[in-house]
N, C-alpha and C. Protein backbone atom coordinates (compact mmCIF):
# COMPACT_ATOMS: atom_id res chain seq x y z
N UNK A 1 0.83 -1.18 0.00
CA UNK A 1 0.00 0.00 0.00
C UNK A 1 0.88 1.25 0.00
N UNK A 2 0.56 2.19 -0.84
CA UNK A 2 1.31 3.44 -0.94
C UNK A 2 0.79 4.44 0.08
N UNK A 3 1.67 4.97 0.94
CA UNK A 3 1.20 5.93 1.94
C UNK A 3 0.84 7.27 1.32
N UNK A 4 0.03 8.04 2.02
CA UNK A 4 -0.36 9.38 1.55
C UNK A 4 0.70 10.41 1.90
N UNK A 5 1.57 10.08 2.86
CA UNK A 5 2.61 11.02 3.28
C UNK A 5 3.90 10.26 3.56
N UNK A 6 4.99 11.00 3.58
CA UNK A 6 6.28 10.40 3.91
C UNK A 6 6.32 10.05 5.39
N UNK A 7 7.13 9.07 5.72
CA UNK A 7 7.34 8.65 7.09
C UNK A 7 7.82 9.86 7.91
N UNK A 8 7.39 9.97 9.19
CA UNK A 8 7.81 11.12 10.01
C UNK A 8 9.33 11.30 10.09
N UNK A 9 10.08 10.19 10.12
CA UNK A 9 11.55 10.31 10.17
C UNK A 9 12.08 10.89 8.86
N UNK A 10 11.49 10.49 7.75
CA UNK A 10 11.91 11.04 6.45
C UNK A 10 11.62 12.54 6.39
N UNK A 11 10.47 12.93 6.92
CA UNK A 11 10.11 14.36 6.93
C UNK A 11 11.06 15.14 7.84
N UNK A 12 11.38 14.58 9.00
CA UNK A 12 12.30 15.25 9.92
C UNK A 12 13.67 15.42 9.26
N UNK A 13 14.16 14.37 8.64
CA UNK A 13 15.46 14.46 7.96
C UNK A 13 15.42 15.48 6.82
N UNK A 14 14.34 15.47 6.05
CA UNK A 14 14.20 16.41 4.92
C UNK A 14 14.35 17.85 5.39
N UNK A 15 13.57 18.22 6.42
CA UNK A 15 13.56 19.62 6.87
C UNK A 15 14.81 19.99 7.65
N UNK A 16 15.36 19.04 8.40
CA UNK A 16 16.63 19.31 9.09
C UNK A 16 17.72 19.56 8.08
N UNK A 17 17.78 18.70 7.07
CA UNK A 17 18.81 18.86 6.04
C UNK A 17 18.58 20.12 5.22
N UNK A 18 17.33 20.48 4.98
CA UNK A 18 17.04 21.70 4.22
C UNK A 18 17.63 22.92 4.94
N UNK A 19 17.41 22.99 6.25
CA UNK A 19 17.95 24.11 7.03
C UNK A 19 19.48 24.09 7.01
N UNK A 20 20.06 22.91 7.23
CA UNK A 20 21.53 22.80 7.25
C UNK A 20 22.14 23.11 5.89
N UNK A 21 21.51 22.66 4.82
CA UNK A 21 22.04 22.92 3.47
C UNK A 21 21.99 24.41 3.17
N UNK A 22 20.89 25.06 3.48
CA UNK A 22 20.82 26.51 3.25
C UNK A 22 21.87 27.23 4.08
N UNK A 23 22.04 26.82 5.34
CA UNK A 23 23.07 27.43 6.17
C UNK A 23 24.45 27.21 5.56
N UNK A 24 24.71 26.00 5.09
CA UNK A 24 26.00 25.68 4.47
C UNK A 24 26.26 26.53 3.23
N UNK A 25 25.25 26.69 2.41
CA UNK A 25 25.43 27.49 1.20
C UNK A 25 25.79 28.93 1.55
N UNK A 26 25.13 29.50 2.55
CA UNK A 26 25.43 30.87 2.93
C UNK A 26 26.76 30.99 3.67
N UNK A 27 27.08 30.01 4.51
CA UNK A 27 28.39 30.02 5.18
C UNK A 27 29.49 29.89 4.13
N UNK A 28 29.32 28.96 3.20
CA UNK A 28 30.33 28.76 2.15
C UNK A 28 30.53 30.01 1.32
N UNK A 29 29.43 30.66 0.94
CA UNK A 29 29.54 31.88 0.14
C UNK A 29 30.21 33.00 0.92
N UNK A 30 29.92 33.08 2.22
CA UNK A 30 30.52 34.16 3.01
C UNK A 30 31.99 33.90 3.31
N UNK A 31 32.45 32.65 3.22
CA UNK A 31 33.86 32.34 3.46
C UNK A 31 34.75 32.81 2.33
N UNK A 32 34.22 32.85 1.12
CA UNK A 32 35.02 33.18 -0.06
C UNK A 32 35.54 34.61 0.06
N UNK A 33 36.83 34.74 0.05
CA UNK A 33 37.46 36.06 0.11
C UNK A 33 37.41 36.72 1.47
N UNK A 34 36.88 36.02 2.48
CA UNK A 34 36.79 36.60 3.82
C UNK A 34 38.11 36.39 4.55
N UNK A 35 38.79 37.46 4.86
CA UNK A 35 40.04 37.37 5.61
C UNK A 35 39.88 37.95 7.02
N UNK A 36 38.65 38.10 7.45
CA UNK A 36 38.38 38.66 8.78
C UNK A 36 38.70 37.62 9.86
N UNK A 37 38.72 38.06 11.11
CA UNK A 37 38.99 37.12 12.21
C UNK A 37 37.94 36.01 12.33
N UNK A 38 36.77 36.20 11.74
CA UNK A 38 35.73 35.16 11.84
C UNK A 38 35.95 34.02 10.83
N UNK A 39 36.86 34.17 9.88
CA UNK A 39 37.06 33.17 8.84
C UNK A 39 37.37 31.77 9.39
N UNK A 40 38.30 31.62 10.34
CA UNK A 40 38.56 30.27 10.87
C UNK A 40 37.33 29.63 11.51
N UNK A 41 36.52 30.44 12.18
CA UNK A 41 35.29 29.91 12.78
C UNK A 41 34.33 29.43 11.70
N UNK A 42 34.18 30.22 10.63
CA UNK A 42 33.30 29.82 9.52
C UNK A 42 33.78 28.52 8.88
N UNK A 43 35.09 28.40 8.70
CA UNK A 43 35.65 27.18 8.09
C UNK A 43 35.35 25.97 8.97
N UNK A 44 35.58 26.10 10.28
CA UNK A 44 35.32 24.97 11.18
C UNK A 44 33.83 24.62 11.22
N UNK A 45 32.98 25.64 11.23
CA UNK A 45 31.54 25.41 11.20
C UNK A 45 31.13 24.72 9.90
N UNK A 46 31.71 25.15 8.80
CA UNK A 46 31.41 24.57 7.49
C UNK A 46 31.83 23.10 7.45
N UNK A 47 33.01 22.79 7.97
CA UNK A 47 33.49 21.40 7.97
C UNK A 47 32.62 20.51 8.86
N UNK A 48 32.29 20.98 10.06
CA UNK A 48 31.49 20.18 10.98
C UNK A 48 30.09 19.95 10.43
N UNK A 49 29.50 20.99 9.85
CA UNK A 49 28.16 20.84 9.29
C UNK A 49 28.18 19.95 8.06
N UNK A 50 29.25 20.05 7.27
CA UNK A 50 29.39 19.17 6.11
C UNK A 50 29.45 17.70 6.51
N UNK A 51 30.18 17.41 7.57
CA UNK A 51 30.26 16.03 8.06
C UNK A 51 28.90 15.56 8.57
N UNK A 52 28.21 16.43 9.30
CA UNK A 52 26.87 16.08 9.78
C UNK A 52 25.94 15.80 8.60
N UNK A 53 26.02 16.64 7.57
CA UNK A 53 25.16 16.43 6.39
C UNK A 53 25.51 15.13 5.67
N UNK A 54 26.78 14.78 5.63
CA UNK A 54 27.16 13.51 5.00
C UNK A 54 26.51 12.33 5.74
N UNK A 55 26.56 12.35 7.05
CA UNK A 55 25.95 11.27 7.83
C UNK A 55 24.42 11.27 7.67
N UNK A 56 23.83 12.46 7.66
CA UNK A 56 22.37 12.55 7.50
C UNK A 56 21.92 12.08 6.13
N UNK A 57 22.67 12.40 5.08
CA UNK A 57 22.24 11.98 3.74
C UNK A 57 22.37 10.46 3.60
N UNK A 58 23.37 9.87 4.23
CA UNK A 58 23.47 8.40 4.19
C UNK A 58 22.26 7.76 4.88
N UNK A 59 21.88 8.32 6.03
CA UNK A 59 20.68 7.82 6.72
C UNK A 59 19.44 8.06 5.85
N UNK A 60 19.39 9.22 5.22
CA UNK A 60 18.22 9.56 4.40
C UNK A 60 18.10 8.63 3.20
N UNK A 61 19.21 8.30 2.57
CA UNK A 61 19.18 7.37 1.44
C UNK A 61 18.70 6.00 1.91
N UNK A 62 19.21 5.55 3.06
CA UNK A 62 18.79 4.25 3.59
C UNK A 62 17.29 4.24 3.86
N UNK A 63 16.78 5.32 4.46
CA UNK A 63 15.34 5.39 4.73
C UNK A 63 14.53 5.45 3.44
N UNK A 64 15.03 6.19 2.47
CA UNK A 64 14.31 6.32 1.19
C UNK A 64 14.18 4.95 0.52
N UNK A 65 15.22 4.14 0.62
CA UNK A 65 15.20 2.81 0.02
C UNK A 65 14.38 1.82 0.84
N UNK A 66 14.31 2.03 2.15
CA UNK A 66 13.65 1.06 3.03
C UNK A 66 12.17 1.32 3.25
N UNK A 67 11.77 2.59 3.22
CA UNK A 67 10.38 2.92 3.57
C UNK A 67 9.55 3.23 2.33
N UNK A 68 8.28 2.85 2.35
CA UNK A 68 7.41 3.24 1.23
C UNK A 68 7.21 4.76 1.27
N UNK A 69 6.99 5.33 0.12
CA UNK A 69 6.75 6.77 0.03
C UNK A 69 5.61 7.04 -0.93
N UNK A 70 5.00 8.21 -0.81
CA UNK A 70 3.84 8.52 -1.66
C UNK A 70 4.21 8.53 -3.14
N UNK A 71 3.25 8.12 -3.93
CA UNK A 71 3.43 8.16 -5.39
C UNK A 71 3.12 9.57 -5.89
N UNK A 72 3.67 9.89 -7.03
CA UNK A 72 3.32 11.15 -7.67
C UNK A 72 1.88 11.07 -8.15
N UNK A 73 1.20 12.19 -8.29
CA UNK A 73 -0.19 12.15 -8.76
C UNK A 73 -0.29 11.49 -10.14
N UNK A 74 -1.36 10.73 -10.33
CA UNK A 74 -1.57 10.01 -11.58
C UNK A 74 -1.65 10.93 -12.79
N UNK A 75 -2.16 12.15 -12.58
CA UNK A 75 -2.34 13.06 -13.72
C UNK A 75 -1.11 13.92 -14.02
N UNK A 76 0.00 13.65 -13.32
CA UNK A 76 1.22 14.41 -13.58
C UNK A 76 1.79 13.99 -14.93
N UNK A 77 2.01 14.96 -15.84
CA UNK A 77 2.54 14.61 -17.17
C UNK A 77 3.88 13.87 -17.09
N UNK A 78 4.10 13.02 -18.07
CA UNK A 78 5.31 12.18 -18.10
C UNK A 78 6.59 13.00 -18.01
N UNK A 79 6.66 14.11 -18.72
CA UNK A 79 7.85 14.95 -18.70
C UNK A 79 8.10 15.50 -17.29
N UNK A 80 7.05 15.87 -16.58
CA UNK A 80 7.20 16.37 -15.22
C UNK A 80 7.63 15.24 -14.26
N UNK A 81 7.15 14.03 -14.51
CA UNK A 81 7.59 12.88 -13.71
C UNK A 81 9.09 12.65 -13.90
N UNK A 82 9.53 12.72 -15.16
CA UNK A 82 10.96 12.55 -15.45
C UNK A 82 11.77 13.67 -14.81
N UNK A 83 11.27 14.90 -14.88
CA UNK A 83 11.97 16.03 -14.28
C UNK A 83 12.05 15.86 -12.76
N UNK A 84 10.98 15.39 -12.14
CA UNK A 84 10.97 15.17 -10.68
C UNK A 84 12.00 14.11 -10.31
N UNK A 85 12.02 13.02 -11.05
CA UNK A 85 13.00 11.95 -10.77
C UNK A 85 14.42 12.44 -10.97
N UNK A 86 14.66 13.13 -12.08
CA UNK A 86 16.01 13.63 -12.37
C UNK A 86 16.46 14.64 -11.32
N UNK A 87 15.57 15.54 -10.93
CA UNK A 87 15.97 16.56 -9.95
C UNK A 87 16.23 15.93 -8.58
N UNK A 88 15.45 14.90 -8.21
CA UNK A 88 15.72 14.24 -6.94
C UNK A 88 17.04 13.47 -6.98
N UNK A 89 17.32 12.82 -8.09
CA UNK A 89 18.62 12.14 -8.22
C UNK A 89 19.75 13.15 -8.13
N UNK A 90 19.59 14.29 -8.79
CA UNK A 90 20.62 15.33 -8.74
C UNK A 90 20.78 15.85 -7.31
N UNK A 91 19.67 16.10 -6.62
CA UNK A 91 19.75 16.56 -5.23
C UNK A 91 20.48 15.55 -4.34
N UNK A 92 20.11 14.29 -4.44
CA UNK A 92 20.78 13.27 -3.63
C UNK A 92 22.25 13.17 -4.00
N UNK A 93 22.55 13.22 -5.29
CA UNK A 93 23.94 13.17 -5.73
C UNK A 93 24.75 14.34 -5.19
N UNK A 94 24.18 15.53 -5.22
CA UNK A 94 24.88 16.71 -4.70
C UNK A 94 24.98 16.68 -3.18
N UNK A 95 23.92 16.22 -2.51
CA UNK A 95 23.97 16.13 -1.05
C UNK A 95 25.04 15.14 -0.60
N UNK A 96 25.27 14.11 -1.38
CA UNK A 96 26.32 13.14 -1.08
C UNK A 96 27.67 13.64 -1.58
N UNK A 97 27.69 14.21 -2.77
CA UNK A 97 28.94 14.61 -3.40
C UNK A 97 29.61 15.83 -2.77
N UNK A 98 28.81 16.80 -2.34
CA UNK A 98 29.40 18.03 -1.78
C UNK A 98 30.29 17.75 -0.57
N UNK A 99 29.82 17.02 0.44
CA UNK A 99 30.73 16.77 1.57
C UNK A 99 31.92 15.90 1.19
N UNK A 100 31.72 14.97 0.26
CA UNK A 100 32.85 14.14 -0.17
C UNK A 100 33.88 14.97 -0.94
N UNK A 101 33.41 15.90 -1.77
CA UNK A 101 34.34 16.81 -2.44
C UNK A 101 35.09 17.67 -1.43
N UNK A 102 34.37 18.17 -0.43
CA UNK A 102 35.03 18.97 0.60
C UNK A 102 36.07 18.17 1.36
N UNK A 103 35.73 16.94 1.71
CA UNK A 103 36.66 16.06 2.43
C UNK A 103 37.89 15.77 1.57
N UNK A 104 37.66 15.46 0.30
CA UNK A 104 38.78 15.19 -0.60
C UNK A 104 39.63 16.45 -0.79
N UNK A 105 38.99 17.60 -0.87
CA UNK A 105 39.70 18.87 -1.04
C UNK A 105 40.61 19.12 0.17
N UNK A 106 40.07 18.95 1.37
CA UNK A 106 40.88 19.12 2.57
C UNK A 106 42.05 18.13 2.59
N UNK A 107 41.79 16.91 2.17
CA UNK A 107 42.83 15.89 2.13
C UNK A 107 43.93 16.29 1.16
N UNK A 108 43.55 16.69 -0.03
CA UNK A 108 44.53 17.06 -1.06
C UNK A 108 45.32 18.30 -0.66
N UNK A 109 44.68 19.21 0.06
CA UNK A 109 45.36 20.44 0.49
C UNK A 109 46.18 20.25 1.75
N UNK A 110 46.09 19.09 2.39
CA UNK A 110 46.83 18.85 3.62
C UNK A 110 46.24 19.56 4.82
N UNK A 111 44.98 19.93 4.74
CA UNK A 111 44.32 20.64 5.83
C UNK A 111 43.74 19.66 6.85
N UNK A 112 43.55 20.11 8.09
CA UNK A 112 42.91 19.24 9.09
C UNK A 112 41.47 18.93 8.71
N UNK A 113 41.08 17.70 9.00
CA UNK A 113 39.71 17.26 8.71
C UNK A 113 38.96 17.11 10.03
N UNK A 114 37.64 17.27 9.98
CA UNK A 114 36.88 17.13 11.23
C UNK A 114 37.08 15.75 11.85
N UNK A 115 37.15 15.72 13.17
CA UNK A 115 37.32 14.47 13.93
C UNK A 115 38.55 13.68 13.48
N UNK A 116 39.52 14.37 12.90
CA UNK A 116 40.74 13.74 12.39
C UNK A 116 40.43 12.56 11.46
N UNK A 117 39.46 12.77 10.59
CA UNK A 117 39.11 11.75 9.60
C UNK A 117 40.32 11.46 8.72
N UNK A 118 40.40 10.25 8.19
CA UNK A 118 41.53 9.94 7.32
C UNK A 118 41.42 10.69 5.99
N UNK A 119 42.55 10.86 5.34
CA UNK A 119 42.56 11.48 4.02
C UNK A 119 41.90 10.54 3.03
N UNK A 120 41.13 11.11 2.10
CA UNK A 120 40.53 10.28 1.04
C UNK A 120 41.08 10.66 -0.33
N UNK A 121 42.06 11.55 -0.34
CA UNK A 121 42.75 11.93 -1.57
C UNK A 121 44.21 12.18 -1.20
N UNK A 122 45.11 11.97 -2.16
CA UNK A 122 46.52 12.21 -1.86
C UNK A 122 46.80 13.71 -1.70
N UNK A 123 47.83 14.02 -0.91
CA UNK A 123 48.24 15.42 -0.75
C UNK A 123 48.86 15.87 -2.08
N UNK A 124 48.15 16.75 -2.77
CA UNK A 124 48.57 17.22 -4.10
C UNK A 124 47.89 18.58 -4.32
N UNK A 125 48.70 19.64 -4.41
CA UNK A 125 48.13 20.98 -4.50
C UNK A 125 47.39 21.22 -5.82
N UNK A 126 47.81 20.57 -6.90
CA UNK A 126 47.05 20.71 -8.15
C UNK A 126 45.69 20.04 -8.03
N UNK A 127 45.66 18.88 -7.42
CA UNK A 127 44.38 18.19 -7.18
C UNK A 127 43.51 19.03 -6.25
N UNK A 128 44.13 19.62 -5.24
CA UNK A 128 43.39 20.50 -4.33
C UNK A 128 42.71 21.62 -5.11
N UNK A 129 43.43 22.25 -6.03
CA UNK A 129 42.86 23.36 -6.80
C UNK A 129 41.67 22.89 -7.64
N UNK A 130 41.78 21.72 -8.25
CA UNK A 130 40.69 21.17 -9.05
C UNK A 130 39.49 20.85 -8.16
N UNK A 131 39.74 20.22 -7.02
CA UNK A 131 38.66 19.85 -6.11
C UNK A 131 37.99 21.09 -5.51
N UNK A 132 38.78 22.11 -5.24
CA UNK A 132 38.20 23.35 -4.69
C UNK A 132 37.26 23.98 -5.72
N UNK A 133 37.69 24.00 -6.97
CA UNK A 133 36.84 24.54 -8.03
C UNK A 133 35.58 23.69 -8.20
N UNK A 134 35.75 22.37 -8.17
CA UNK A 134 34.60 21.47 -8.31
C UNK A 134 33.62 21.65 -7.15
N UNK A 135 34.15 21.82 -5.94
CA UNK A 135 33.30 22.03 -4.76
C UNK A 135 32.51 23.34 -4.91
N UNK A 136 33.16 24.36 -5.41
CA UNK A 136 32.48 25.65 -5.62
C UNK A 136 31.38 25.54 -6.67
N UNK A 137 31.70 24.94 -7.81
CA UNK A 137 30.69 24.81 -8.87
C UNK A 137 29.54 23.90 -8.44
N UNK A 138 29.87 22.84 -7.70
CA UNK A 138 28.80 21.97 -7.20
C UNK A 138 27.91 22.73 -6.21
N UNK A 139 28.49 23.65 -5.46
CA UNK A 139 27.70 24.49 -4.56
C UNK A 139 26.72 25.37 -5.32
N UNK A 140 27.18 25.96 -6.43
CA UNK A 140 26.27 26.76 -7.26
C UNK A 140 25.16 25.89 -7.84
N UNK A 141 25.53 24.70 -8.29
CA UNK A 141 24.54 23.78 -8.85
C UNK A 141 23.55 23.34 -7.77
N UNK A 142 24.04 23.09 -6.57
CA UNK A 142 23.15 22.71 -5.47
C UNK A 142 22.18 23.85 -5.17
N UNK A 143 22.67 25.07 -5.12
CA UNK A 143 21.81 26.21 -4.85
C UNK A 143 20.72 26.33 -5.91
N UNK A 144 21.10 26.20 -7.18
CA UNK A 144 20.13 26.28 -8.27
C UNK A 144 19.11 25.14 -8.19
N UNK A 145 19.57 23.96 -7.85
CA UNK A 145 18.69 22.80 -7.75
C UNK A 145 17.73 22.95 -6.57
N UNK A 146 18.21 23.50 -5.47
CA UNK A 146 17.33 23.75 -4.31
C UNK A 146 16.25 24.77 -4.70
N UNK A 147 16.64 25.82 -5.42
CA UNK A 147 15.65 26.80 -5.86
C UNK A 147 14.61 26.17 -6.78
N UNK A 148 15.04 25.32 -7.68
CA UNK A 148 14.13 24.61 -8.57
C UNK A 148 13.20 23.69 -7.77
N UNK A 149 13.75 23.01 -6.79
CA UNK A 149 12.97 22.12 -5.92
C UNK A 149 11.90 22.92 -5.17
N UNK A 150 12.30 24.06 -4.64
CA UNK A 150 11.37 24.93 -3.92
C UNK A 150 10.28 25.44 -4.87
N UNK A 151 10.66 25.83 -6.08
CA UNK A 151 9.67 26.31 -7.05
C UNK A 151 8.68 25.20 -7.39
N UNK A 152 9.17 23.99 -7.59
CA UNK A 152 8.27 22.87 -7.90
C UNK A 152 7.32 22.59 -6.74
N UNK A 153 7.84 22.66 -5.51
CA UNK A 153 6.98 22.43 -4.33
C UNK A 153 5.88 23.50 -4.27
N UNK A 154 6.23 24.73 -4.58
CA UNK A 154 5.23 25.81 -4.57
C UNK A 154 4.19 25.63 -5.68
N UNK A 155 4.63 25.16 -6.84
CA UNK A 155 3.67 24.89 -7.92
C UNK A 155 2.70 23.80 -7.48
N UNK A 156 3.22 22.75 -6.86
CA UNK A 156 2.34 21.67 -6.39
C UNK A 156 1.38 22.18 -5.32
N UNK A 157 1.85 23.06 -4.45
CA UNK A 157 1.01 23.55 -3.35
C UNK A 157 0.01 24.60 -3.80
N UNK A 158 0.44 25.54 -4.63
CA UNK A 158 -0.39 26.70 -4.95
C UNK A 158 -1.14 26.61 -6.27
N UNK A 159 -0.59 25.88 -7.23
CA UNK A 159 -1.22 25.79 -8.54
C UNK A 159 -1.96 24.46 -8.69
N UNK A 160 -1.24 23.37 -8.56
CA UNK A 160 -1.85 22.05 -8.73
C UNK A 160 -2.69 21.64 -7.53
N UNK A 161 -2.30 22.06 -6.35
CA UNK A 161 -2.99 21.70 -5.10
C UNK A 161 -3.23 20.19 -5.00
N UNK A 162 -2.15 19.45 -5.23
CA UNK A 162 -2.26 18.00 -5.32
C UNK A 162 -1.75 17.24 -4.10
N UNK A 163 -1.37 17.96 -3.04
CA UNK A 163 -0.96 17.31 -1.81
C UNK A 163 0.51 16.92 -1.72
N UNK A 164 1.28 17.18 -2.77
CA UNK A 164 2.70 16.81 -2.76
C UNK A 164 3.43 17.51 -1.61
N UNK A 165 3.26 18.81 -1.49
CA UNK A 165 3.93 19.54 -0.40
C UNK A 165 3.43 19.05 0.95
N UNK A 166 2.16 18.82 1.08
CA UNK A 166 1.59 18.35 2.34
C UNK A 166 2.19 17.00 2.75
N UNK A 167 2.51 16.16 1.77
CA UNK A 167 3.04 14.83 2.09
C UNK A 167 4.43 14.89 2.73
N UNK A 168 5.14 16.03 2.56
CA UNK A 168 6.46 16.19 3.15
C UNK A 168 6.46 17.25 4.25
N UNK A 169 5.31 17.87 4.50
CA UNK A 169 5.23 18.95 5.47
C UNK A 169 5.63 18.45 6.86
N UNK A 170 6.37 19.25 7.64
CA UNK A 170 6.88 18.76 8.92
C UNK A 170 5.84 18.67 10.03
N UNK A 171 4.70 19.30 9.87
CA UNK A 171 3.71 19.31 10.94
C UNK A 171 2.92 18.02 11.01
N UNK A 172 2.01 17.96 11.96
CA UNK A 172 1.19 16.76 12.10
C UNK A 172 0.26 16.59 10.90
N UNK A 173 -0.03 15.36 10.58
CA UNK A 173 -0.90 15.05 9.46
C UNK A 173 -2.30 14.79 9.98
N UNK A 174 -3.25 14.87 9.07
CA UNK A 174 -4.63 14.54 9.45
C UNK A 174 -4.73 13.05 9.73
N UNK A 175 -5.71 12.67 10.49
CA UNK A 175 -5.91 11.26 10.84
C UNK A 175 -6.01 10.42 9.56
N UNK A 176 -5.34 9.27 9.56
CA UNK A 176 -5.41 8.37 8.43
C UNK A 176 -4.28 8.59 7.43
N UNK A 177 -3.41 9.59 7.65
CA UNK A 177 -2.31 9.83 6.72
C UNK A 177 -1.03 9.28 7.28
């Protein structure tokens, strides 16, 4: 049986990660070119939050695979179904890839990693430069994808009124959902 709403744990993870991802995007953007005394604090906050997001996305992927989730509306056009699937794959890929790129970048640059994690890339300054650029571009792509995701959620809520946003809403559901 297909549920009408996502499991409460999936909803909690979704909204927790949404807040953390938005915070990360703004922290990351504010770190660029910042040479103020707050820069080391921002870097440490960015690394710790990135590690937390990596662990949360692994849990989220496991829950997504293990728990049933609501189906898309039957009247949703095929192209929109494909776009929804593609955008969710891209979001999951970026949520997994961004912290791994950051970890590899720190490893390649010889920088300290949170909790003294092992290096996952060799110490190589050219590789560091490539990974830093990739991490930045992936951040822009993640921001754009989040905006697209938000726009789609608003279309479902305000135009289609098909319950998609309600199925992921963090508040209590009506009886039977």
